[in-house]
Amino acid sequence: MLFYFCLMLVFLLAFVILYWILGVTGVLDSIANVLSDVGFGGQAGFEFRGYWIFSRLFLVGLAGVVVWSLVNMLVAVLYNLVSDVVGGVQITLAERR
């Protein structure tokens, strides 16, 4: 779980940096203006809300941490069951003279 949680934090930090760069360069404002002209956002116009976006990304990331941890656990159990049935792999090391 710790590995996937750290991976989630790295991706979340990368998205924060990307969001910041897009905000500083004005790309987010341009996209918001285009979406407002098309009709999204109603009378107030369309705007990107960073808190809403990143709170949802954090919740999705936590769900991913739980799901992938369970997947890893099930794969490990399956591997151990198959290894018990087949007998596993034995490696014999010989000494050099």
PDB file of N, CA and C in Angstrom:
ATOM      1  N   MET A   1       0.821  -1.191   0.000  1.00  0.00           N
ATOM      2  CA  MET A   1       0.000   0.000   0.000  1.00  0.00           C
ATOM      3  C   MET A   1       0.866   1.256   0.000  1.00  0.00           C
ATOM      4  N   LEU A   2       1.981   1.176   0.709  1.00  0.00           N
ATOM      5  CA  LEU A   2       2.851   2.341   0.796  1.00  0.00           C
ATOM      6  C   LEU A   2       3.417   2.715  -0.573  1.00  0.00           C
ATOM      7  N   PHE A   3       3.785   1.694  -1.361  1.00  0.00           N
ATOM      8  CA  PHE A   3       4.307   1.961  -2.705  1.00  0.00           C
ATOM      9  C   PHE A   3       3.269   2.684  -3.555  1.00  0.00           C
ATOM     10  N   TYR A   4       2.035   2.187  -3.565  1.00  0.00           N
ATOM     11  CA  TYR A   4       0.998   2.802  -4.383  1.00  0.00           C
ATOM     12  C   TYR A   4       0.594   4.171  -3.858  1.00  0.00           C
ATOM     13  N   PHE A   5       0.643   4.364  -2.538  1.00  0.00           N
ATOM     14  CA  PHE A   5       0.337   5.677  -1.992  1.00  0.00           C
ATOM     15  C   PHE A   5       1.401   6.694  -2.406  1.00  0.00           C
ATOM     16  N   CYS A   6       2.677   6.292  -2.349  1.00  0.00           N
ATOM     17  CA  CYS A   6       3.743   7.197  -2.793  1.00  0.00           C
ATOM     18  C   CYS A   6       3.637   7.476  -4.293  1.00  0.00           C
ATOM     19  N   LEU A   7       3.282   6.466  -5.066  1.00  0.00           N
ATOM     20  CA  LEU A   7       3.092   6.648  -6.501  1.00  0.00           C
ATOM     21  C   LEU A   7       1.949   7.628  -6.771  1.00  0.00           C
ATOM     22  N   MET A   8       0.873   7.516  -5.996  1.00  0.00           N
ATOM     23  CA  MET A   8      -0.246   8.436  -6.142  1.00  0.00           C
ATOM     24  C   MET A   8       0.190   9.868  -5.822  1.00  0.00           C
ATOM     25  N   LEU A   9       0.975  10.028  -4.760  1.00  0.00           N
ATOM     26  CA  LEU A   9       1.436  11.372  -4.404  1.00  0.00           C
ATOM     27  C   LEU A   9       2.338  11.967  -5.478  1.00  0.00           C
ATOM     28  N   VAL A  10       3.176  11.146  -6.092  1.00  0.00           N
ATOM     29  CA  VAL A  10       4.050  11.631  -7.165  1.00  0.00           C
ATOM     30  C   VAL A  10       3.219  12.105  -8.353  1.00  0.00           C
ATOM     31  N   PHE A  11       2.212  11.303  -8.750  1.00  0.00           N
ATOM     32  CA  PHE A  11       1.364  11.710  -9.869  1.00  0.00           C
ATOM     33  C   PHE A  11       0.540  12.947  -9.520  1.00  0.00           C
ATOM     34  N   LEU A  12       0.073  13.034  -8.289  1.00  0.00           N
ATOM     35  CA  LEU A  12      -0.699  14.195  -7.869  1.00  0.00           C
ATOM     36  C   LEU A  12       0.170  15.452  -7.897  1.00  0.00           C
ATOM     37  N   LEU A  13       1.403  15.335  -7.443  1.00  0.00           N
ATOM     38  CA  LEU A  13       2.326  16.471  -7.497  1.00  0.00           C
ATOM     39  C   LEU A  13       2.630  16.866  -8.940  1.00  0.00           C
ATOM     40  N   ALA A  14       2.769  15.880  -9.808  1.00  0.00           N
ATOM     41  CA  ALA A  14       3.009  16.175 -11.228  1.00  0.00           C
ATOM     42  C   ALA A  14       1.816  16.909 -11.837  1.00  0.00           C
ATOM     43  N   PHE A  15       0.590  16.490 -11.479  1.00  0.00           N
ATOM     44  CA  PHE A  15      -0.592  17.180 -11.986  1.00  0.00           C
ATOM     45  C   PHE A  15      -0.709  18.593 -11.426  1.00  0.00           C
ATOM     46  N   VAL A  16      -0.306  18.791 -10.175  1.00  0.00           N
ATOM     47  CA  VAL A  16      -0.329  20.143  -9.596  1.00  0.00           C
ATOM     48  C   VAL A  16       0.641  21.047 -10.346  1.00  0.00           C
ATOM     49  N   ILE A  17       1.824  20.548 -10.631  1.00  0.00           N
ATOM     50  CA  ILE A  17       2.818  21.339 -11.363  1.00  0.00           C
ATOM     51  C   ILE A  17       2.312  21.647 -12.776  1.00  0.00           C
ATOM     52  N   LEU A  18       1.723  20.646 -13.448  1.00  0.00           N
ATOM     53  CA  LEU A  18       1.175  20.863 -14.786  1.00  0.00           C
ATOM     54  C   LEU A  18       0.036  21.873 -14.756  1.00  0.00           C
ATOM     55  N   TYR A  19      -0.841  21.770 -13.760  1.00  0.00           N
ATOM     56  CA  TYR A  19      -1.948  22.714 -13.615  1.00  0.00           C
ATOM     57  C   TYR A  19      -1.425  24.128 -13.378  1.00  0.00           C
ATOM     58  N   TRP A  20      -0.394  24.242 -12.556  1.00  0.00           N
ATOM     59  CA  TRP A  20       0.203  25.553 -12.283  1.00  0.00           C
ATOM     60  C   TRP A  20       0.810  26.150 -13.548  1.00  0.00           C
ATOM     61  N   ILE A  21       1.547  25.338 -14.309  1.00  0.00           N
ATOM     62  CA  ILE A  21       2.170  25.828 -15.545  1.00  0.00           C
ATOM     63  C   ILE A  21       1.104  26.268 -16.544  1.00  0.00           C
ATOM     64  N   LEU A  22       0.036  25.456 -16.690  1.00  0.00           N
ATOM     65  CA  LEU A  22      -1.034  25.826 -17.612  1.00  0.00           C
ATOM     66  C   LEU A  22      -1.759  27.086 -17.151  1.00  0.00           C
ATOM     67  N   GLY A  23      -1.876  27.285 -15.839  1.00  0.00           N
ATOM     68  CA  GLY A  23      -2.516  28.491 -15.321  1.00  0.00           C
ATOM     69  C   GLY A  23      -1.669  29.726 -15.527  1.00  0.00           C
ATOM     70  N   VAL A  24      -0.357  29.593 -15.313  1.00  0.00           N
ATOM     71  CA  VAL A  24       0.547  30.740 -15.472  1.00  0.00           C
ATOM     72  C   VAL A  24       0.646  31.168 -16.931  1.00  0.00           C
ATOM     73  N   THR A  25       0.663  30.208 -17.834  1.00  0.00           N
ATOM     74  CA  THR A  25       0.799  30.542 -19.255  1.00  0.00           C
ATOM     75  C   THR A  25      -0.513  31.003 -19.887  1.00  0.00           C
ATOM     76  N   GLY A  26      -1.634  30.837 -19.169  1.00  0.00           N
ATOM     77  CA  GLY A  26      -2.913  31.309 -19.677  1.00  0.00           C
ATOM     78  C   GLY A  26      -3.688  30.301 -20.499  1.00  0.00           C
ATOM     79  N   VAL A  27      -3.197  29.078 -20.549  1.00  0.00           N
ATOM     80  CA  VAL A  27      -3.876  28.050 -21.332  1.00  0.00           C
ATOM     81  C   VAL A  27      -5.232  27.723 -20.717  1.00  0.00           C
ATOM     82  N   LEU A  28      -5.297  27.645 -19.381  1.00  0.00           N
ATOM     83  CA  LEU A  28      -6.566  27.326 -18.722  1.00  0.00           C
ATOM     84  C   LEU A  28      -7.615  28.409 -18.982  1.00  0.00           C
ATOM     85  N   ASP A  29      -7.196  29.656 -18.965  1.00  0.00           N
ATOM     86  CA  ASP A  29      -8.138  30.742 -19.247  1.00  0.00           C
ATOM     87  C   ASP A  29      -8.644  30.688 -20.688  1.00  0.00           C
ATOM     88  N   SER A  30      -7.764  30.367 -21.608  1.00  0.00           N
ATOM     89  CA  SER A  30      -8.169  30.256 -23.013  1.00  0.00           C
ATOM     90  C   SER A  30      -9.163  29.116 -23.209  1.00  0.00           C
ATOM     91  N   ILE A  31      -8.884  27.981 -22.591  1.00  0.00           N
ATOM     92  CA  ILE A  31      -9.800  26.837 -22.700  1.00  0.00           C
ATOM     93  C   ILE A  31     -11.132  27.174 -22.049  1.00  0.00           C
ATOM     94  N   ALA A  32     -11.097  27.861 -20.903  1.00  0.00           N
ATOM     95  CA  ALA A  32     -12.333  28.248 -20.218  1.00  0.00           C
ATOM     96  C   ALA A  32     -13.151  29.206 -21.082  1.00  0.00           C
ATOM     97  N   ASN A  33     -12.490  30.136 -21.769  1.00  0.00           N
ATOM     98  CA  ASN A  33     -13.214  31.061 -22.656  1.00  0.00           C
ATOM     99  C   ASN A  33     -13.856  30.332 -23.827  1.00  0.00           C
ATOM    100  N   VAL A  34     -13.131  29.377 -24.399  1.00  0.00           N
ATOM    101  CA  VAL A  34     -13.682  28.605 -25.515  1.00  0.00           C
ATOM    102  C   VAL A  34     -14.883  27.794 -25.044  1.00  0.00           C
ATOM    103  N   LEU A  35     -14.763  27.155 -23.884  1.00  0.00           N
ATOM    104  CA  LEU A  35     -15.875  26.362 -23.367  1.00  0.00           C
ATOM    105  C   LEU A  35     -17.064  27.239 -22.996  1.00  0.00           C
ATOM    106  N   SER A  36     -16.811  28.457 -22.526  1.00  0.00           N
ATOM    107  CA  SER A  36     -17.911  29.381 -22.234  1.00  0.00           C
ATOM    108  C   SER A  36     -18.617  29.807 -23.511  1.00  0.00           C
ATOM    109  N   ASP A  37     -17.848  30.046 -24.580  1.00  0.00           N
ATOM    110  CA  ASP A  37     -18.444  30.429 -25.861  1.00  0.00           C
ATOM    111  C   ASP A  37     -19.287  29.300 -26.450  1.00  0.00           C
ATOM    112  N   VAL A  38     -18.867  28.070 -26.223  1.00  0.00           N
ATOM    113  CA  VAL A  38     -19.602  26.919 -26.745  1.00  0.00           C
ATOM    114  C   VAL A  38     -20.908  26.718 -25.988  1.00  0.00           C
ATOM    115  N   GLY A  39     -20.931  27.119 -24.702  1.00  0.00           N
ATOM    116  CA  GLY A  39     -22.173  27.001 -23.952  1.00  0.00           C
ATOM    117  C   GLY A  39     -22.046  26.291 -22.624  1.00  0.00           C
ATOM    118  N   PHE A  40     -20.862  25.846 -22.283  1.00  0.00           N
ATOM    119  CA  PHE A  40     -20.665  25.204 -20.981  1.00  0.00           C
ATOM    120  C   PHE A  40     -20.590  26.261 -19.892  1.00  0.00           C
ATOM    121  N   GLY A  41     -21.066  25.937 -18.715  1.00  0.00           N
ATOM    122  CA  GLY A  41     -20.948  26.845 -17.584  1.00  0.00           C
ATOM    123  C   GLY A  41     -22.128  27.749 -17.366  1.00  0.00           C
ATOM    124  N   GLY A  42     -23.092  27.759 -18.235  1.00  0.00           N
ATOM    125  CA  GLY A  42     -24.286  28.580 -18.051  1.00  0.00           C
ATOM    126  C   GLY A  42     -23.990  30.064 -18.206  1.00  0.00           C
ATOM    127  N   GLN A  43     -24.739  30.911 -17.459  1.00  0.00           N
ATOM    128  CA  GLN A  43     -24.600  32.369 -17.555  1.00  0.00           C
ATOM    129  C   GLN A  43     -23.288  32.865 -16.959  1.00  0.00           C
ATOM    130  N   ALA A  44     -22.808  32.199 -15.922  1.00  0.00           N
ATOM    131  CA  ALA A  44     -21.591  32.660 -15.237  1.00  0.00           C
ATOM    132  C   ALA A  44     -20.337  32.365 -16.052  1.00  0.00           C
ATOM    133  N   GLY A  45     -20.410  31.459 -16.984  1.00  0.00           N
ATOM    134  CA  GLY A  45     -19.237  31.084 -17.764  1.00  0.00           C
ATOM    135  C   GLY A  45     -18.526  29.904 -17.131  1.00  0.00           C
ATOM    136  N   PHE A  46     -17.632  29.328 -17.881  1.00  0.00           N
ATOM    137  CA  PHE A  46     -16.908  28.146 -17.426  1.00  0.00           C
ATOM    138  C   PHE A  46     -15.636  28.576 -16.727  1.00  0.00           C
ATOM    139  N   GLU A  47     -15.293  27.881 -15.638  1.00  0.00           N
ATOM    140  CA  GLU A  47     -14.022  28.140 -14.968  1.00  0.00           C
ATOM    141  C   GLU A  47     -13.502  26.846 -14.361  1.00  0.00           C
ATOM    142  N   PHE A  48     -12.195  26.749 -14.296  1.00  0.00           N
ATOM    143  CA  PHE A  48     -11.556  25.598 -13.678  1.00  0.00           C
ATOM    144  C   PHE A  48     -11.378  25.882 -12.190  1.00  0.00           C
ATOM    145  N   ARG A  49     -11.837  24.969 -11.366  1.00  0.00           N
ATOM    146  CA  ARG A  49     -11.675  25.098  -9.917  1.00  0.00           C
ATOM    147  C   ARG A  49     -10.660  24.055  -9.474  1.00  0.00           C
ATOM    148  N   GLY A  50      -9.473  24.523  -9.120  1.00  0.00           N
ATOM    149  CA  GLY A  50      -8.383  23.623  -8.756  1.00  0.00           C
ATOM    150  C   GLY A  50      -8.692  22.762  -7.546  1.00  0.00           C
ATOM    151  N   TYR A  51      -9.329  23.350  -6.521  1.00  0.00           N
ATOM    152  CA  TYR A  51      -9.634  22.571  -5.325  1.00  0.00           C
ATOM    153  C   TYR A  51     -10.565  21.410  -5.650  1.00  0.00           C
ATOM    154  N   TRP A  52     -11.588  21.660  -6.451  1.00  0.00           N
ATOM    155  CA  TRP A  52     -12.524  20.605  -6.811  1.00  0.00           C
ATOM    156  C   TRP A  52     -11.831  19.506  -7.614  1.00  0.00           C
ATOM    157  N   ILE A  53     -11.006  19.914  -8.578  1.00  0.00           N
ATOM    158  CA  ILE A  53     -10.317  18.952  -9.436  1.00  0.00           C
ATOM    159  C   ILE A  53      -9.387  18.075  -8.614  1.00  0.00           C
ATOM    160  N   PHE A  54      -8.566  18.691  -7.761  1.00  0.00           N
ATOM    161  CA  PHE A  54      -7.547  17.923  -7.050  1.00  0.00           C
ATOM    162  C   PHE A  54      -8.120  17.149  -5.870  1.00  0.00           C
ATOM    163  N   SER A  55      -9.226  17.598  -5.294  1.00  0.00           N
ATOM    164  CA  SER A  55      -9.851  16.783  -4.252  1.00  0.00           C
ATOM    165  C   SER A  55     -10.416  15.503  -4.859  1.00  0.00           C
ATOM    166  N   ARG A  56     -11.008  15.600  -6.050  1.00  0.00           N
ATOM    167  CA  ARG A  56     -11.522  14.402  -6.717  1.00  0.00           C
ATOM    168  C   ARG A  56     -10.389  13.494  -7.182  1.00  0.00           C
ATOM    169  N   LEU A  57      -9.295  14.089  -7.672  1.00  0.00           N
ATOM    170  CA  LEU A  57      -8.144  13.277  -8.066  1.00  0.00           C
ATOM    171  C   LEU A  57      -7.554  12.536  -6.877  1.00  0.00           C
ATOM    172  N   PHE A  58      -7.534  13.183  -5.705  1.00  0.00           N
ATOM    173  CA  PHE A  58      -7.015  12.532  -4.509  1.00  0.00           C
ATOM    174  C   PHE A  58      -7.901  11.356  -4.109  1.00  0.00           C
ATOM    175  N   LEU A  59      -9.221  11.527  -4.182  1.00  0.00           N
ATOM    176  CA  LEU A  59     -10.130  10.433  -3.837  1.00  0.00           C
ATOM    177  C   LEU A  59     -10.006   9.272  -4.829  1.00  0.00           C
ATOM    178  N   VAL A  60      -9.888   9.590  -6.103  1.00  0.00           N
ATOM    179  CA  VAL A  60      -9.697   8.541  -7.113  1.00  0.00           C
ATOM    180  C   VAL A  60      -8.359   7.840  -6.887  1.00  0.00           C
ATOM    181  N   GLY A  61      -7.326   8.605  -6.518  1.00  0.00           N
ATOM    182  CA  GLY A  61      -6.026   8.007  -6.224  1.00  0.00           C
ATOM    183  C   GLY A  61      -6.073   7.077  -5.028  1.00  0.00           C
ATOM    184  N   LEU A  62      -6.806   7.469  -3.971  1.00  0.00           N
ATOM    185  CA  LEU A  62      -6.941   6.589  -2.810  1.00  0.00           C
ATOM    186  C   LEU A  62      -7.674   5.301  -3.175  1.00  0.00           C
ATOM    187  N   ALA A  63      -8.695   5.421  -4.008  1.00  0.00           N
ATOM    188  CA  ALA A  63      -9.394   4.219  -4.466  1.00  0.00           C
ATOM    189  C   ALA A  63      -8.447   3.334  -5.276  1.00  0.00           C
ATOM    190  N   GLY A  64      -7.610   3.941  -6.098  1.00  0.00           N
ATOM    191  CA  GLY A  64      -6.631   3.178  -6.871  1.00  0.00           C
ATOM    192  C   GLY A  64      -5.608   2.488  -5.986  1.00  0.00           C
ATOM    193  N   VAL A  65      -5.195   3.148  -4.913  1.00  0.00           N
ATOM    194  CA  VAL A  65      -4.256   2.542  -3.965  1.00  0.00           C
ATOM    195  C   VAL A  65      -4.863   1.275  -3.367  1.00  0.00           C
ATOM    196  N   VAL A  66      -6.122   1.360  -2.956  1.00  0.00           N
ATOM    197  CA  VAL A  66      -6.779   0.194  -2.354  1.00  0.00           C
ATOM    198  C   VAL A  66      -6.959  -0.916  -3.384  1.00  0.00           C
ATOM    199  N   VAL A  67      -7.426  -0.562  -4.575  1.00  0.00           N
ATOM    200  CA  VAL A  67      -7.685  -1.575  -5.605  1.00  0.00           C
ATOM    201  C   VAL A  67      -6.401  -2.283  -6.004  1.00  0.00           C
ATOM    202  N   TRP A  68      -5.344  -1.538  -6.289  1.00  0.00           N
ATOM    203  CA  TRP A  68      -4.112  -2.178  -6.749  1.00  0.00           C
ATOM    204  C   TRP A  68      -3.412  -2.948  -5.643  1.00  0.00           C
ATOM    205  N   SER A  69      -3.592  -2.528  -4.387  1.00  0.00           N
ATOM    206  CA  SER A  69      -3.059  -3.319  -3.278  1.00  0.00           C
ATOM    207  C   SER A  69      -3.784  -4.653  -3.177  1.00  0.00           C
ATOM    208  N   LEU A  70      -5.093  -4.636  -3.358  1.00  0.00           N
ATOM    209  CA  LEU A  70      -5.847  -5.892  -3.350  1.00  0.00           C
ATOM    210  C   LEU A  70      -5.475  -6.778  -4.537  1.00  0.00           C
ATOM    211  N   VAL A  71      -5.270  -6.179  -5.701  1.00  0.00           N
ATOM    212  CA  VAL A  71      -4.857  -6.951  -6.877  1.00  0.00           C
ATOM    213  C   VAL A  71      -3.504  -7.610  -6.618  1.00  0.00           C
ATOM    214  N   ASN A  72      -2.559  -6.870  -6.041  1.00  0.00           N
ATOM    215  CA  ASN A  72      -1.255  -7.454  -5.728  1.00  0.00           C
ATOM    216  C   ASN A  72      -1.377  -8.591  -4.728  1.00  0.00           C
ATOM    217  N   MET A  73      -2.242  -8.423  -3.730  1.00  0.00           N
ATOM    218  CA  MET A  73      -2.433  -9.473  -2.744  1.00  0.00           C
ATOM    219  C   MET A  73      -3.006 -10.728  -3.396  1.00  0.00           C
ATOM    220  N   LEU A  74      -3.997 -10.568  -4.263  1.00  0.00           N
ATOM    221  CA  LEU A  74      -4.594 -11.722  -4.933  1.00  0.00           C
ATOM    222  C   LEU A  74      -3.612 -12.418  -5.871  1.00  0.00           C
ATOM    223  N   VAL A  75      -2.788 -11.647  -6.558  1.00  0.00           N
ATOM    224  CA  VAL A  75      -1.779 -12.245  -7.443  1.00  0.00           C
ATOM    225  C   VAL A  75      -0.743 -13.010  -6.626  1.00  0.00           C
ATOM    226  N   ALA A  76      -0.349 -12.481  -5.473  1.00  0.00           N
ATOM    227  CA  ALA A  76       0.602 -13.183  -4.615  1.00  0.00           C
ATOM    228  C   ALA A  76       0.010 -14.481  -4.081  1.00  0.00           C
ATOM    229  N   VAL A  77      -1.269 -14.448  -3.685  1.00  0.00           N
ATOM    230  CA  VAL A  77      -1.922 -15.667  -3.217  1.00  0.00           C
ATOM    231  C   VAL A  77      -2.012 -16.693  -4.344  1.00  0.00           C
ATOM    232  N   LEU A  78      -2.399 -16.233  -5.528  1.00  0.00           N
ATOM    233  CA  LEU A  78      -2.489 -17.133  -6.676  1.00  0.00           C
ATOM    234  C   LEU A  78      -1.129 -17.728  -7.012  1.00  0.00           C
ATOM    235  N   TYR A  79      -0.088 -16.929  -6.989  1.00  0.00           N
ATOM    236  CA  TYR A  79       1.268 -17.424  -7.272  1.00  0.00           C
ATOM    237  C   TYR A  79       1.667 -18.483  -6.243  1.00  0.00           C
ATOM    238  N   ASN A  80       1.389 -18.225  -4.975  1.00  0.00           N
ATOM    239  CA  ASN A  80       1.756 -19.196  -3.940  1.00  0.00           C
ATOM    240  C   ASN A  80       0.968 -20.494  -4.072  1.00  0.00           C
ATOM    241  N   LEU A  81      -0.313 -20.402  -4.449  1.00  0.00           N
ATOM    242  CA  LEU A  81      -1.096 -21.618  -4.660  1.00  0.00           C
ATOM    243  C   LEU A  81      -0.557 -22.436  -5.826  1.00  0.00           C
ATOM    244  N   VAL A  82      -0.259 -21.773  -6.932  1.00  0.00           N
ATOM    245  CA  VAL A  82       0.287 -22.473  -8.097  1.00  0.00           C
ATOM    246  C   VAL A  82       1.658 -23.042  -7.777  1.00  0.00           C
ATOM    247  N   SER A  83       2.447 -22.307  -7.023  1.00  0.00           N
ATOM    248  CA  SER A  83       3.780 -22.784  -6.644  1.00  0.00           C
ATOM    249  C   SER A  83       3.686 -24.017  -5.756  1.00  0.00           C
ATOM    250  N   ASP A  84       2.700 -24.072  -4.871  1.00  0.00           N
ATOM    251  CA  ASP A  84       2.515 -25.259  -4.037  1.00  0.00           C
ATOM    252  C   ASP A  84       2.091 -26.463  -4.859  1.00  0.00           C
ATOM    253  N   VAL A  85       1.234 -26.259  -5.861  1.00  0.00           N
ATOM    254  CA  VAL A  85       0.752 -27.369  -6.678  1.00  0.00           C
ATOM    255  C   VAL A  85       1.875 -27.888  -7.573  1.00  0.00           C
ATOM    256  N   VAL A  86       2.603 -26.996  -8.209  1.00  0.00           N
ATOM    257  CA  VAL A  86       3.638 -27.387  -9.166  1.00  0.00           C
ATOM    258  C   VAL A  86       4.898 -27.847  -8.443  1.00  0.00           C
ATOM    259  N   GLY A  87       5.154 -27.326  -7.284  1.00  0.00           N
ATOM    260  CA  GLY A  87       6.345 -27.726  -6.548  1.00  0.00           C
ATOM    261  C   GLY A  87       7.397 -26.637  -6.506  1.00  0.00           C
ATOM    262  N   GLY A  88       7.145 -25.536  -7.151  1.00  0.00           N
ATOM    263  CA  GLY A  88       8.086 -24.429  -7.102  1.00  0.00           C
ATOM    264  C   GLY A  88       9.288 -24.645  -7.996  1.00  0.00           C
ATOM    265  N   VAL A  89      10.230 -23.761  -7.893  1.00  0.00           N
ATOM    266  CA  VAL A  89      11.454 -23.827  -8.674  1.00  0.00           C
ATOM    267  C   VAL A  89      12.610 -24.047  -7.719  1.00  0.00           C
ATOM    268  N   GLN A  90      13.432 -25.061  -7.990  1.00  0.00           N
ATOM    269  CA  GLN A  90      14.599 -25.325  -7.161  1.00  0.00           C
ATOM    270  C   GLN A  90      15.842 -24.959  -7.948  1.00  0.00           C
ATOM    271  N   ILE A  91      16.714 -24.260  -7.273  1.00  0.00           N
ATOM    272  CA  ILE A  91      17.987 -23.891  -7.885  1.00  0.00           C
ATOM    273  C   ILE A  91      19.087 -24.515  -7.043  1.00  0.00           C
ATOM    274  N   THR A  92      19.958 -25.279  -7.688  1.00  0.00           N
ATOM    275  CA  THR A  92      21.073 -25.905  -6.981  1.00  0.00           C
ATOM    276  C   THR A  92      22.349 -25.218  -7.442  1.00  0.00           C
ATOM    277  N   LEU A  93      23.050 -24.676  -6.477  1.00  0.00           N
ATOM    278  CA  LEU A  93      24.305 -23.996  -6.782  1.00  0.00           C
ATOM    279  C   LEU A  93      25.461 -24.937  -6.462  1.00  0.00           C
ATOM    280  N   ALA A  94      26.398 -25.034  -7.362  1.00  0.00           N
ATOM    281  CA  ALA A  94      27.570 -25.876  -7.165  1.00  0.00           C
ATOM    282  C   ALA A  94      28.796 -25.009  -6.933  1.00  0.00           C
ATOM    283  N   GLU A  95      29.661 -25.498  -6.104  1.00  0.00           N
ATOM    284  CA  GLU A  95      30.878 -24.739  -5.817  1.00  0.00           C
ATOM    285  C   GLU A  95      31.874 -24.899  -6.964  1.00  0.00           C
ATOM    286  N   ARG A  96      32.613 -23.849  -7.204  1.00  0.00           N
ATOM    287  CA  ARG A  96      33.672 -23.922  -8.223  1.00  0.00           C
ATOM    288  C   ARG A  96      34.934 -24.417  -7.562  1.00  0.00           C
ATOM    289  N   ARG A  97      35.707 -25.188  -8.318  1.00  0.00           N
ATOM    290  CA  ARG A  97      36.969 -25.711  -7.787  1.00  0.00           C
ATOM    291  C   ARG A  97      38.100 -24.812  -8.141  1.00  0.00           C
TER     292      ARG A  97
END
